[in-house]
Amino acid sequence: MNISKYEQRTLHVLAQGGHIAHDHAPTMDGSRGRIVKITCFTREGHALSDCTMAVFKKLKKRRLIISRGGGPYRISRKGLDAVRPQCDNR
């Protein structure tokens, strides 16, 4: 699978225990709308600037990240298989 440098960096952070927090736009009926803001956090709590909305959408479309029960997005099993191994991955 062909993954860009920024997607690879984001997947590495998620593979090490990070997560992507997201905010929804409100709708007229009070329910949650589409995702309008994302922030990728490392396991130490630092924000990753390489994770943009475009990178997030690509990862989500390829099903490399997943959200369970409305929680933050984390790496999926397919994402773990797609990430290239590096010595600092856990």
C-alpha atoms as a PDB file:
ATOM      1  CA  MET A   1       0.000   0.000   0.000  1.00  0.00           C
ATOM      2  CA  ASN A   2       1.348   3.411  -0.960  1.00  0.00           C
ATOM      3  CA  ILE A   3       1.296   5.691   2.090  1.00  0.00           C
ATOM      4  CA  SER A   4       2.600   9.264   2.148  1.00  0.00           C
ATOM      5  CA  LYS A   5       5.189  10.534   4.610  1.00  0.00           C
ATOM      6  CA  TYR A   6       2.607  12.424   6.685  1.00  0.00           C
ATOM      7  CA  GLU A   7       0.257   9.447   6.801  1.00  0.00           C
ATOM      8  CA  GLN A   8       3.186   7.268   7.880  1.00  0.00           C
ATOM      9  CA  ARG A   9       4.100   9.672  10.701  1.00  0.00           C
ATOM     10  CA  THR A  10       0.521   9.743  11.934  1.00  0.00           C
ATOM     11  CA  LEU A  11       0.273   5.958  11.865  1.00  0.00           C
ATOM     12  CA  HIS A  12       3.526   5.657  13.836  1.00  0.00           C
ATOM     13  CA  VAL A  13       2.171   7.944  16.549  1.00  0.00           C
ATOM     14  CA  LEU A  14      -1.055   5.941  16.699  1.00  0.00           C
ATOM     15  CA  ALA A  15       0.824   2.627  16.747  1.00  0.00           C
ATOM     16  CA  GLN A  16       2.764   3.818  19.787  1.00  0.00           C
ATOM     17  CA  GLY A  17      -0.427   4.541  21.727  1.00  0.00           C
ATOM     18  CA  GLY A  18      -1.583   7.932  20.477  1.00  0.00           C
ATOM     19  CA  HIS A  19      -5.102   8.924  19.448  1.00  0.00           C
ATOM     20  CA  ILE A  20      -6.967  11.428  17.280  1.00  0.00           C
ATOM     21  CA  ALA A  21      -9.529  13.573  19.085  1.00  0.00           C
ATOM     22  CA  HIS A  22     -12.316  15.000  16.926  1.00  0.00           C
ATOM     23  CA  ASP A  23     -15.021  17.666  17.152  1.00  0.00           C
ATOM     24  CA  HIS A  24     -18.341  17.601  15.320  1.00  0.00           C
ATOM     25  CA  ALA A  25     -20.286  20.477  13.821  1.00  0.00           C
ATOM     26  CA  PRO A  26     -23.715  20.944  15.401  1.00  0.00           C
ATOM     27  CA  THR A  27     -26.763  20.424  13.201  1.00  0.00           C
ATOM     28  CA  MET A  28     -30.173  22.081  13.251  1.00  0.00           C
ATOM     29  CA  ASP A  29     -31.829  19.172  15.056  1.00  0.00           C
ATOM     30  CA  GLY A  30     -29.171  19.045  17.780  1.00  0.00           C
ATOM     31  CA  SER A  31     -27.428  15.872  16.646  1.00  0.00           C
ATOM     32  CA  ARG A  32     -23.763  15.621  15.768  1.00  0.00           C
ATOM     33  CA  GLY A  33     -22.825  16.540  12.218  1.00  0.00           C
ATOM     34  CA  ARG A  34     -19.665  15.997  10.239  1.00  0.00           C
ATOM     35  CA  ILE A  35     -16.196  16.146  11.759  1.00  0.00           C
ATOM     36  CA  VAL A  36     -14.808  19.688  11.493  1.00  0.00           C
ATOM     37  CA  LYS A  37     -11.701  19.625  13.693  1.00  0.00           C
ATOM     38  CA  ILE A  38      -9.165  16.950  14.560  1.00  0.00           C
ATOM     39  CA  THR A  39      -6.112  16.898  16.811  1.00  0.00           C
ATOM     40  CA  CYS A  40      -3.642  14.024  16.907  1.00  0.00           C
ATOM     41  CA  PHE A  41      -2.083  13.397  20.315  1.00  0.00           C
ATOM     42  CA  THR A  42       0.957  11.279  21.113  1.00  0.00           C
ATOM     43  CA  ARG A  43       0.902   8.962  24.097  1.00  0.00           C
ATOM     44  CA  GLU A  44       2.741  11.681  26.082  1.00  0.00           C
ATOM     45  CA  GLY A  45      -0.015  14.199  25.303  1.00  0.00           C
ATOM     46  CA  HIS A  46       1.808  16.308  22.711  1.00  0.00           C
ATOM     47  CA  ALA A  47      -0.029  17.414  19.551  1.00  0.00           C
ATOM     48  CA  LEU A  48       1.217  16.240  16.147  1.00  0.00           C
ATOM     49  CA  SER A  49       1.135  19.019  13.544  1.00  0.00           C
ATOM     50  CA  ASP A  50       1.566  16.646  10.560  1.00  0.00           C
ATOM     51  CA  CYS A  51      -1.931  15.220  11.011  1.00  0.00           C
ATOM     52  CA  THR A  52      -4.182  17.473   8.937  1.00  0.00           C
ATOM     53  CA  MET A  53      -7.810  16.993   7.936  1.00  0.00           C
ATOM     54  CA  ALA A  54      -6.693  15.708   4.512  1.00  0.00           C
ATOM     55  CA  VAL A  55      -4.426  13.078   6.092  1.00  0.00           C
ATOM     56  CA  PHE A  56      -7.209  12.106   8.516  1.00  0.00           C
ATOM     57  CA  LYS A  57      -9.705  11.630   5.681  1.00  0.00           C
ATOM     58  CA  LYS A  58      -7.269   9.463   3.696  1.00  0.00           C
ATOM     59  CA  LEU A  59      -6.560   7.249   6.689  1.00  0.00           C
ATOM     60  CA  LYS A  60     -10.253   6.949   7.484  1.00  0.00           C
ATOM     61  CA  LYS A  61     -11.178   6.178   3.872  1.00  0.00           C
ATOM     62  CA  ARG A  62      -8.556   3.414   3.714  1.00  0.00           C
ATOM     63  CA  ARG A  63      -9.839   2.081   7.085  1.00  0.00           C
ATOM     64  CA  LEU A  64      -6.408   2.416   8.690  1.00  0.00           C
ATOM     65  CA  ILE A  65      -7.952   4.192  11.711  1.00  0.00           C
ATOM     66  CA  ILE A  66     -11.163   3.434  13.570  1.00  0.00           C
ATOM     67  CA  SER A  67     -13.358   4.973  16.259  1.00  0.00           C
ATOM     68  CA  ARG A  68     -15.276   2.690  18.595  1.00  0.00           C
ATOM     69  CA  GLY A  69     -18.344   3.893  20.442  1.00  0.00           C
ATOM     70  CA  GLY A  70     -17.854   7.554  19.515  1.00  0.00           C
ATOM     71  CA  GLY A  71     -14.436   7.622  21.173  1.00  0.00           C
ATOM     72  CA  PRO A  72     -11.180   8.957  19.747  1.00  0.00           C
ATOM     73  CA  TYR A  73      -9.766   7.457  16.571  1.00  0.00           C
ATOM     74  CA  ARG A  74      -7.078   4.826  17.042  1.00  0.00           C
ATOM     75  CA  ILE A  75      -5.103   2.640  14.660  1.00  0.00           C
ATOM     76  CA  SER A  76      -6.911  -0.414  13.265  1.00  0.00           C
ATOM     77  CA  ARG A  77      -5.471  -3.863  12.624  1.00  0.00           C
ATOM     78  CA  LYS A  78      -5.184  -2.995   8.936  1.00  0.00           C
ATOM     79  CA  GLY A  79      -3.301   0.167   9.910  1.00  0.00           C
ATOM     80  CA  LEU A  80      -0.848  -1.814  12.026  1.00  0.00           C
ATOM     81  CA  ASP A  81      -0.151  -4.059   9.045  1.00  0.00           C
ATOM     82  CA  ALA A  82       0.343  -1.054   6.734  1.00  0.00           C
ATOM     83  CA  VAL A  83       2.770   0.901   8.923  1.00  0.00           C
ATOM     84  CA  ARG A  84       6.434   0.392   8.135  1.00  0.00           C
ATOM     85  CA  PRO A  85       8.394  -0.941  11.108  1.00  0.00           C
ATOM     86  CA  GLN A  86      10.890   1.322  12.823  1.00  0.00           C
ATOM     87  CA  CYS A  87      13.064   0.691  15.836  1.00  0.00           C
ATOM     88  CA  ASP A  88      11.034   3.036  18.092  1.00  0.00           C
ATOM     89  CA  ASN A  89       7.656   1.344  17.494  1.00  0.00           C
ATOM     90  CA  ARG A  90       6.191  -0.573  20.400  1.00  0.00           C
END
